[in-house]
């Protein structure tokens, strides 16, 4: 089997345009391969794994700011 799994293909690329997008991507990354040698039988998307969340956490950027501020703090935390 000569399968390729490509990551990072934007979701904005429609299914009907997917083969042309992949062909163009391969031409960009491997311009020395002749176009008639790039044989693509089929192209399809693989769904996200079930354990991944549908979206990113809402306040993730605030968490990052808090963690960065804590790491950059020069004085140690006072005892309570």
C-alpha atoms as a PDB file:
ATOM      1  CA  UNK A   1       0.000   0.000   0.000  1.00  0.00           C
ATOM      2  CA  UNK A   2       1.244   3.437  -0.889  1.00  0.00           C
ATOM      3  CA  UNK A   3      -0.798   5.566   1.468  1.00  0.00           C
ATOM      4  CA  UNK A   4       0.072   9.029   2.683  1.00  0.00           C
ATOM      5  CA  UNK A   5      -1.443  10.657   5.735  1.00  0.00           C
ATOM      6  CA  UNK A   6      -1.208  14.436   5.555  1.00  0.00           C
ATOM      7  CA  UNK A   7      -1.852  16.605   8.584  1.00  0.00           C
ATOM      8  CA  UNK A   8      -2.812  20.248   8.634  1.00  0.00           C
ATOM      9  CA  UNK A   9      -5.092  20.330   5.606  1.00  0.00           C
ATOM     10  CA  UNK A  10      -7.496  23.206   6.335  1.00  0.00           C
ATOM     11  CA  UNK A  11     -11.131  22.331   6.953  1.00  0.00           C
ATOM     12  CA  UNK A  12     -12.023  25.183   4.590  1.00  0.00           C
ATOM     13  CA  UNK A  13     -10.976  22.991   1.639  1.00  0.00           C
ATOM     14  CA  UNK A  14     -14.189  21.391   0.405  1.00  0.00           C
ATOM     15  CA  UNK A  15     -14.371  17.655  -0.263  1.00  0.00           C
ATOM     16  CA  UNK A  16     -14.810  18.224  -4.005  1.00  0.00           C
ATOM     17  CA  UNK A  17     -11.640  20.390  -4.079  1.00  0.00           C
ATOM     18  CA  UNK A  18      -9.564  18.114  -1.857  1.00  0.00           C
ATOM     19  CA  UNK A  19      -7.818  16.147  -4.613  1.00  0.00           C
ATOM     20  CA  UNK A  20      -6.789  19.311  -6.481  1.00  0.00           C
ATOM     21  CA  UNK A  21      -5.553  20.861  -3.231  1.00  0.00           C
ATOM     22  CA  UNK A  22      -3.425  17.791  -2.402  1.00  0.00           C
ATOM     23  CA  UNK A  23      -2.048  17.644  -5.947  1.00  0.00           C
ATOM     24  CA  UNK A  24      -1.023  21.310  -5.701  1.00  0.00           C
ATOM     25  CA  UNK A  25       0.473  20.727  -2.263  1.00  0.00           C
ATOM     26  CA  UNK A  26       2.564  17.831  -3.553  1.00  0.00           C
ATOM     27  CA  UNK A  27       3.720  19.912  -6.533  1.00  0.00           C
ATOM     28  CA  UNK A  28       4.811  22.690  -4.151  1.00  0.00           C
ATOM     29  CA  UNK A  29       6.743  20.339  -1.870  1.00  0.00           C
ATOM     30  CA  UNK A  30       8.210  18.125  -4.600  1.00  0.00           C
ATOM     31  CA  UNK A  31       8.486  20.222  -7.777  1.00  0.00           C
ATOM     32  CA  UNK A  32      11.010  17.827  -9.342  1.00  0.00           C
ATOM     33  CA  UNK A  33       8.408  15.043  -9.631  1.00  0.00           C
ATOM     34  CA  UNK A  34       6.645  15.246 -13.024  1.00  0.00           C
ATOM     35  CA  UNK A  35       2.910  15.960 -12.832  1.00  0.00           C
ATOM     36  CA  UNK A  36       2.074  12.762 -14.745  1.00  0.00           C
ATOM     37  CA  UNK A  37       3.847  10.716 -12.052  1.00  0.00           C
ATOM     38  CA  UNK A  38       1.627  12.083  -9.258  1.00  0.00           C
ATOM     39  CA  UNK A  39      -1.093   9.472  -9.425  1.00  0.00           C
ATOM     40  CA  UNK A  40      -3.826   9.919  -6.840  1.00  0.00           C
ATOM     41  CA  UNK A  41      -6.469   7.213  -6.670  1.00  0.00           C
ATOM     42  CA  UNK A  42      -8.574   8.795  -3.951  1.00  0.00           C
ATOM     43  CA  UNK A  43      -8.420  11.380  -1.225  1.00  0.00           C
ATOM     44  CA  UNK A  44     -10.515  11.444   1.909  1.00  0.00           C
ATOM     45  CA  UNK A  45     -10.524  13.000   5.336  1.00  0.00           C
ATOM     46  CA  UNK A  46     -10.052  11.044   8.521  1.00  0.00           C
ATOM     47  CA  UNK A  47     -12.328  12.210  11.337  1.00  0.00           C
ATOM     48  CA  UNK A  48     -10.875  13.557  14.564  1.00  0.00           C
ATOM     49  CA  UNK A  49     -10.404  10.997  17.316  1.00  0.00           C
ATOM     50  CA  UNK A  50     -13.383  10.813  19.667  1.00  0.00           C
ATOM     51  CA  UNK A  51     -11.379  11.669  22.763  1.00  0.00           C
ATOM     52  CA  UNK A  52     -10.410  15.130  21.440  1.00  0.00           C
ATOM     53  CA  UNK A  53     -12.631  18.049  22.447  1.00  0.00           C
ATOM     54  CA  UNK A  54     -14.716  19.748  19.764  1.00  0.00           C
ATOM     55  CA  UNK A  55     -13.171  23.118  20.469  1.00  0.00           C
ATOM     56  CA  UNK A  56     -10.378  24.666  22.449  1.00  0.00           C
ATOM     57  CA  UNK A  57     -11.064  25.694  26.044  1.00  0.00           C
ATOM     58  CA  UNK A  58     -12.685  29.120  26.251  1.00  0.00           C
ATOM     59  CA  UNK A  59     -10.269  30.697  28.691  1.00  0.00           C
ATOM     60  CA  UNK A  60      -7.075  28.980  27.599  1.00  0.00           C
ATOM     61  CA  UNK A  61      -5.359  32.291  26.787  1.00  0.00           C
ATOM     62  CA  UNK A  62      -6.020  33.543  30.336  1.00  0.00           C
ATOM     63  CA  UNK A  63      -4.526  30.357  31.767  1.00  0.00           C
ATOM     64  CA  UNK A  64      -1.415  30.942  29.654  1.00  0.00           C
ATOM     65  CA  UNK A  65      -1.144  34.546  30.880  1.00  0.00           C
ATOM     66  CA  UNK A  66      -1.427  33.447  34.524  1.00  0.00           C
ATOM     67  CA  UNK A  67       1.183  30.703  34.114  1.00  0.00           C
ATOM     68  CA  UNK A  68       3.555  33.063  32.319  1.00  0.00           C
ATOM     69  CA  UNK A  69       3.122  35.721  35.034  1.00  0.00           C
ATOM     70  CA  UNK A  70       3.837  33.156  37.763  1.00  0.00           C
ATOM     71  CA  UNK A  71       6.986  31.950  36.019  1.00  0.00           C
ATOM     72  CA  UNK A  72       8.265  35.496  35.510  1.00  0.00           C
ATOM     73  CA  UNK A  73       7.667  36.594  39.103  1.00  0.00           C
ATOM     74  CA  UNK A  74      11.019  37.405  40.695  1.00  0.00           C
ATOM     75  CA  UNK A  75      10.034  37.334  44.386  1.00  0.00           C
ATOM     76  CA  UNK A  76       9.003  34.078  46.026  1.00  0.00           C
ATOM     77  CA  UNK A  77       5.479  33.699  47.359  1.00  0.00           C
ATOM     78  CA  UNK A  78       5.044  34.758  51.002  1.00  0.00           C
ATOM     79  CA  UNK A  79       4.264  32.117  53.584  1.00  0.00           C
ATOM     80  CA  UNK A  80       0.668  32.308  54.780  1.00  0.00           C
END
